Amino acid sequence: MSRSSLQPPPRTRQAAYFELRVGGFRITADHIPARFLAMTSSATSGLVAWWLSR
């Protein structure tokens, strides 16, 4: 067997989940981090509970 047949095929790059470009500044996220999602969800539910209790 040749060595090249044992190597996995090259990965193709998926499109970014989120991409923000402003001038020369660029932010790219391949996936949403779990901690960010948890903090955002907690803050949103807390604000909704506070708003409804007023």
PDB file of N, CA and C in Angstrom:
ATOM      1  N   MET A   1       0.834  -1.184   0.000  1.00  0.00           N
ATOM      2  CA  MET A   1       0.000   0.000   0.000  1.00  0.00           C
ATOM      3  C   MET A   1       0.875   1.242   0.000  1.00  0.00           C
ATOM      4  N   SER A   2       0.450   2.204  -0.758  1.00  0.00           N
ATOM      5  CA  SER A   2       1.216   3.446  -0.770  1.00  0.00           C
ATOM      6  C   SER A   2       0.802   4.326   0.401  1.00  0.00           C
ATOM      7  N   ARG A   3       1.687   5.185   0.823  1.00  0.00           N
ATOM      8  CA  ARG A   3       1.424   6.060   1.964  1.00  0.00           C
ATOM      9  C   ARG A   3       0.289   7.043   1.673  1.00  0.00           C
ATOM     10  N   SER A   4       0.161   7.472   0.440  1.00  0.00           N
ATOM     11  CA  SER A   4      -0.870   8.456   0.091  1.00  0.00           C
ATOM     12  C   SER A   4      -2.271   7.869   0.212  1.00  0.00           C
ATOM     13  N   SER A   5      -2.436   6.569   0.057  1.00  0.00           N
ATOM     14  CA  SER A   5      -3.767   5.974   0.167  1.00  0.00           C
ATOM     15  C   SER A   5      -4.235   5.875   1.618  1.00  0.00           C
ATOM     16  N   LEU A   6      -3.310   6.020   2.593  1.00  0.00           N
ATOM     17  CA  LEU A   6      -3.683   5.933   3.996  1.00  0.00           C
ATOM     18  C   LEU A   6      -4.094   7.281   4.585  1.00  0.00           C
ATOM     19  N   GLN A   7      -3.831   8.352   3.876  1.00  0.00           N
ATOM     20  CA  GLN A   7      -4.156   9.682   4.379  1.00  0.00           C
ATOM     21  C   GLN A   7      -5.633   9.988   4.148  1.00  0.00           C
ATOM     22  N   PRO A   8      -6.263  10.672   5.110  1.00  0.00           N
ATOM     23  CA  PRO A   8      -7.676  11.024   4.925  1.00  0.00           C
ATOM     24  C   PRO A   8      -7.825  12.081   3.833  1.00  0.00           C
ATOM     25  N   PRO A   9      -8.998  12.152   3.238  1.00  0.00           N
ATOM     26  CA  PRO A   9      -9.197  13.173   2.203  1.00  0.00           C
ATOM     27  C   PRO A   9      -9.154  14.569   2.824  1.00  0.00           C
ATOM     28  N   PRO A  10      -8.767  15.562   2.043  1.00  0.00           N
ATOM     29  CA  PRO A  10      -8.698  16.928   2.594  1.00  0.00           C
ATOM     30  C   PRO A  10     -10.086  17.420   3.000  1.00  0.00           C
ATOM     31  N   ARG A  11     -10.134  18.181   4.104  1.00  0.00           N
ATOM     32  CA  ARG A  11     -11.407  18.721   4.585  1.00  0.00           C
ATOM     33  C   ARG A  11     -11.796  19.946   3.764  1.00  0.00           C
ATOM     34  N   THR A  12     -13.068  20.048   3.497  1.00  0.00           N
ATOM     35  CA  THR A  12     -13.554  21.263   2.846  1.00  0.00           C
ATOM     36  C   THR A  12     -14.047  22.200   3.932  1.00  0.00           C
ATOM     37  N   ARG A  13     -13.791  23.460   3.775  1.00  0.00           N
ATOM     38  CA  ARG A  13     -14.150  24.468   4.783  1.00  0.00           C
ATOM     39  C   ARG A  13     -15.627  24.811   4.659  1.00  0.00           C
ATOM     40  N   GLN A  14     -16.353  24.709   5.792  1.00  0.00           N
ATOM     41  CA  GLN A  14     -17.754  25.087   5.808  1.00  0.00           C
ATOM     42  C   GLN A  14     -17.867  26.599   5.890  1.00  0.00           C
ATOM     43  N   ALA A  15     -19.004  27.097   5.475  1.00  0.00           N
ATOM     44  CA  ALA A  15     -19.249  28.529   5.584  1.00  0.00           C
ATOM     45  C   ALA A  15     -19.342  28.905   7.057  1.00  0.00           C
ATOM     46  N   ALA A  16     -18.887  30.090   7.393  1.00  0.00           N
ATOM     47  CA  ALA A  16     -18.921  30.553   8.782  1.00  0.00           C
ATOM     48  C   ALA A  16     -20.360  30.741   9.236  1.00  0.00           C
ATOM     49  N   TYR A  17     -20.618  30.462  10.521  1.00  0.00           N
ATOM     50  CA  TYR A  17     -21.942  30.642  11.095  1.00  0.00           C
ATOM     51  C   TYR A  17     -22.283  32.125  11.191  1.00  0.00           C
ATOM     52  N   PHE A  18     -21.292  32.922  11.570  1.00  0.00           N
ATOM     53  CA  PHE A  18     -21.478  34.358  11.726  1.00  0.00           C
ATOM     54  C   PHE A  18     -20.242  35.076  11.224  1.00  0.00           C
ATOM     55  N   GLU A  19     -20.433  36.099  10.422  1.00  0.00           N
ATOM     56  CA  GLU A  19     -19.301  36.870   9.923  1.00  0.00           C
ATOM     57  C   GLU A  19     -19.686  38.346   9.898  1.00  0.00           C
ATOM     58  N   LEU A  20     -18.840  39.178  10.515  1.00  0.00           N
ATOM     59  CA  LEU A  20     -19.071  40.618  10.576  1.00  0.00           C
ATOM     60  C   LEU A  20     -17.844  41.319  10.022  1.00  0.00           C
ATOM     61  N   ARG A  21     -18.053  42.142   9.015  1.00  0.00           N
ATOM     62  CA  ARG A  21     -16.946  42.901   8.410  1.00  0.00           C
ATOM     63  C   ARG A  21     -17.276  44.382   8.463  1.00  0.00           C
ATOM     64  N   VAL A  22     -16.375  45.145   9.060  1.00  0.00           N
ATOM     65  CA  VAL A  22     -16.499  46.602   9.110  1.00  0.00           C
ATOM     66  C   VAL A  22     -15.155  47.173   8.713  1.00  0.00           C
ATOM     67  N   GLY A  23     -15.075  47.716   7.512  1.00  0.00           N
ATOM     68  CA  GLY A  23     -13.799  48.223   7.014  1.00  0.00           C
ATOM     69  C   GLY A  23     -12.767  47.106   6.961  1.00  0.00           C
ATOM     70  N   GLY A  24     -11.642  47.285   7.625  1.00  0.00           N
ATOM     71  CA  GLY A  24     -10.608  46.260   7.671  1.00  0.00           C
ATOM     72  C   GLY A  24     -10.754  45.318   8.848  1.00  0.00           C
ATOM     73  N   PHE A  25     -11.764  45.554   9.687  1.00  0.00           N
ATOM     74  CA  PHE A  25     -12.004  44.739  10.880  1.00  0.00           C
ATOM     75  C   PHE A  25     -12.949  43.598  10.530  1.00  0.00           C
ATOM     76  N   ARG A  26     -12.614  42.388  10.969  1.00  0.00           N
ATOM     77  CA  ARG A  26     -13.419  41.219  10.615  1.00  0.00           C
ATOM     78  C   ARG A  26     -13.542  40.281  11.810  1.00  0.00           C
ATOM     79  N   ILE A  27     -14.772  39.862  12.113  1.00  0.00           N
ATOM     80  CA  ILE A  27     -15.036  38.871  13.155  1.00  0.00           C
ATOM     81  C   ILE A  27     -15.750  37.696  12.498  1.00  0.00           C
ATOM     82  N   THR A  28     -15.224  36.499  12.715  1.00  0.00           N
ATOM     83  CA  THR A  28     -15.812  35.301  12.143  1.00  0.00           C
ATOM     84  C   THR A  28     -15.973  34.257  13.238  1.00  0.00           C
ATOM     85  N   ALA A  29     -17.148  33.629  13.288  1.00  0.00           N
ATOM     86  CA  ALA A  29     -17.402  32.550  14.252  1.00  0.00           C
ATOM     87  C   ALA A  29     -17.858  31.317  13.486  1.00  0.00           C
ATOM     88  N   ASP A  30     -17.185  30.197  13.720  1.00  0.00           N
ATOM     89  CA  ASP A  30     -17.567  28.947  13.062  1.00  0.00           C
ATOM     90  C   ASP A  30     -18.755  28.289  13.742  1.00  0.00           C
ATOM     91  N   HIS A  31     -18.909  28.530  15.040  1.00  0.00           N
ATOM     92  CA  HIS A  31     -20.039  27.989  15.789  1.00  0.00           C
ATOM     93  C   HIS A  31     -20.311  28.898  16.986  1.00  0.00           C
ATOM     94  N   ILE A  32     -21.487  28.749  17.569  1.00  0.00           N
ATOM     95  CA  ILE A  32     -21.830  29.546  18.743  1.00  0.00           C
ATOM     96  C   ILE A  32     -21.275  28.835  19.975  1.00  0.00           C
ATOM     97  N   PRO A  33     -20.426  29.500  20.770  1.00  0.00           N
ATOM     98  CA  PRO A  33     -19.902  28.870  21.980  1.00  0.00           C
ATOM     99  C   PRO A  33     -21.031  28.594  22.986  1.00  0.00           C
ATOM    100  N   ALA A  34     -20.978  27.451  23.643  1.00  0.00           N
ATOM    101  CA  ALA A  34     -22.030  27.044  24.575  1.00  0.00           C
ATOM    102  C   ALA A  34     -22.140  28.015  25.757  1.00  0.00           C
ATOM    103  N   ARG A  35     -21.020  28.500  26.259  1.00  0.00           N
ATOM    104  CA  ARG A  35     -21.071  29.437  27.389  1.00  0.00           C
ATOM    105  C   ARG A  35     -21.754  30.740  27.007  1.00  0.00           C
ATOM    106  N   PHE A  36     -21.466  31.240  25.828  1.00  0.00           N
ATOM    107  CA  PHE A  36     -22.103  32.464  25.358  1.00  0.00           C
ATOM    108  C   PHE A  36     -23.609  32.256  25.224  1.00  0.00           C
ATOM    109  N   LEU A  37     -24.015  31.139  24.686  1.00  0.00           N
ATOM    110  CA  LEU A  37     -25.433  30.832  24.537  1.00  0.00           C
ATOM    111  C   LEU A  37     -26.110  30.722  25.899  1.00  0.00           C
ATOM    112  N   ALA A  38     -25.461  30.078  26.864  1.00  0.00           N
ATOM    113  CA  ALA A  38     -26.031  29.936  28.206  1.00  0.00           C
ATOM    114  C   ALA A  38     -26.149  31.289  28.906  1.00  0.00           C
ATOM    115  N   MET A  39     -25.120  32.131  28.807  1.00  0.00           N
ATOM    116  CA  MET A  39     -25.175  33.449  29.449  1.00  0.00           C
ATOM    117  C   MET A  39     -26.243  34.330  28.806  1.00  0.00           C
ATOM    118  N   THR A  40     -26.346  34.299  27.501  1.00  0.00           N
ATOM    119  CA  THR A  40     -27.350  35.093  26.803  1.00  0.00           C
ATOM    120  C   THR A  40     -28.750  34.640  27.171  1.00  0.00           C
ATOM    121  N   SER A  41     -28.955  33.344  27.250  1.00  0.00           N
ATOM    122  CA  SER A  41     -30.257  32.796  27.616  1.00  0.00           C
ATOM    123  C   SER A  41     -30.629  33.173  29.049  1.00  0.00           C
ATOM    124  N   SER A  42     -29.686  33.073  29.962  1.00  0.00           N
ATOM    125  CA  SER A  42     -29.944  33.436  31.364  1.00  0.00           C
ATOM    126  C   SER A  42     -30.272  34.916  31.505  1.00  0.00           C
ATOM    127  N   ALA A  43     -29.509  35.754  30.851  1.00  0.00           N
ATOM    128  CA  ALA A  43     -29.750  37.195  30.931  1.00  0.00           C
ATOM    129  C   ALA A  43     -31.103  37.557  30.323  1.00  0.00           C
ATOM    130  N   THR A  44     -31.441  36.958  29.217  1.00  0.00           N
ATOM    131  CA  THR A  44     -32.718  37.249  28.564  1.00  0.00           C
ATOM    132  C   THR A  44     -33.885  36.797  29.416  1.00  0.00           C
ATOM    133  N   SER A  45     -33.809  35.598  29.973  1.00  0.00           N
ATOM    134  CA  SER A  45     -34.924  35.105  30.798  1.00  0.00           C
ATOM    135  C   SER A  45     -35.050  35.938  32.078  1.00  0.00           C
ATOM    136  N   GLY A  46     -33.933  36.383  32.641  1.00  0.00           N
ATOM    137  CA  GLY A  46     -33.984  37.242  33.815  1.00  0.00           C
ATOM    138  C   GLY A  46     -34.628  38.580  33.507  1.00  0.00           C
ATOM    139  N   LEU A  47     -34.265  39.158  32.378  1.00  0.00           N
ATOM    140  CA  LEU A  47     -34.876  40.436  31.979  1.00  0.00           C
ATOM    141  C   LEU A  47     -36.367  40.288  31.689  1.00  0.00           C
ATOM    142  N   VAL A  48     -36.761  39.203  31.072  1.00  0.00           N
ATOM    143  CA  VAL A  48     -38.183  38.968  30.790  1.00  0.00           C
ATOM    144  C   VAL A  48     -38.949  38.791  32.095  1.00  0.00           C
ATOM    145  N   ALA A  49     -38.409  38.042  33.041  1.00  0.00           N
ATOM    146  CA  ALA A  49     -39.068  37.840  34.345  1.00  0.00           C
ATOM    147  C   ALA A  49     -39.195  39.183  35.085  1.00  0.00           C
ATOM    148  N   TRP A  50     -38.148  39.992  35.051  1.00  0.00           N
ATOM    149  CA  TRP A  50     -38.189  41.300  35.692  1.00  0.00           C
ATOM    150  C   TRP A  50     -39.239  42.196  35.021  1.00  0.00           C
ATOM    151  N   TRP A  51     -39.276  42.182  33.695  1.00  0.00           N
ATOM    152  CA  TRP A  51     -40.202  43.022  32.948  1.00  0.00           C
ATOM    153  C   TRP A  51     -41.651  42.624  33.241  1.00  0.00           C
ATOM    154  N   LEU A  52     -41.918  41.327  33.313  1.00  0.00           N
ATOM    155  CA  LEU A  52     -43.287  40.856  33.550  1.00  0.00           C
ATOM    156  C   LEU A  52     -43.736  41.072  34.984  1.00  0.00           C
ATOM    157  N   SER A  53     -42.815  41.183  35.917  1.00  0.00           N
ATOM    158  CA  SER A  53     -43.182  41.362  37.320  1.00  0.00           C
ATOM    159  C   SER A  53     -43.436  42.826  37.677  1.00  0.00           C
ATOM    160  N   ARG A  54     -43.167  43.723  36.761  1.00  0.00           N
ATOM    161  CA  ARG A  54     -43.344  45.161  37.042  1.00  0.00           C
ATOM    162  C   ARG A  54     -44.791  45.538  37.147  1.00  0.00           C
TER     163      ARG A  54
END
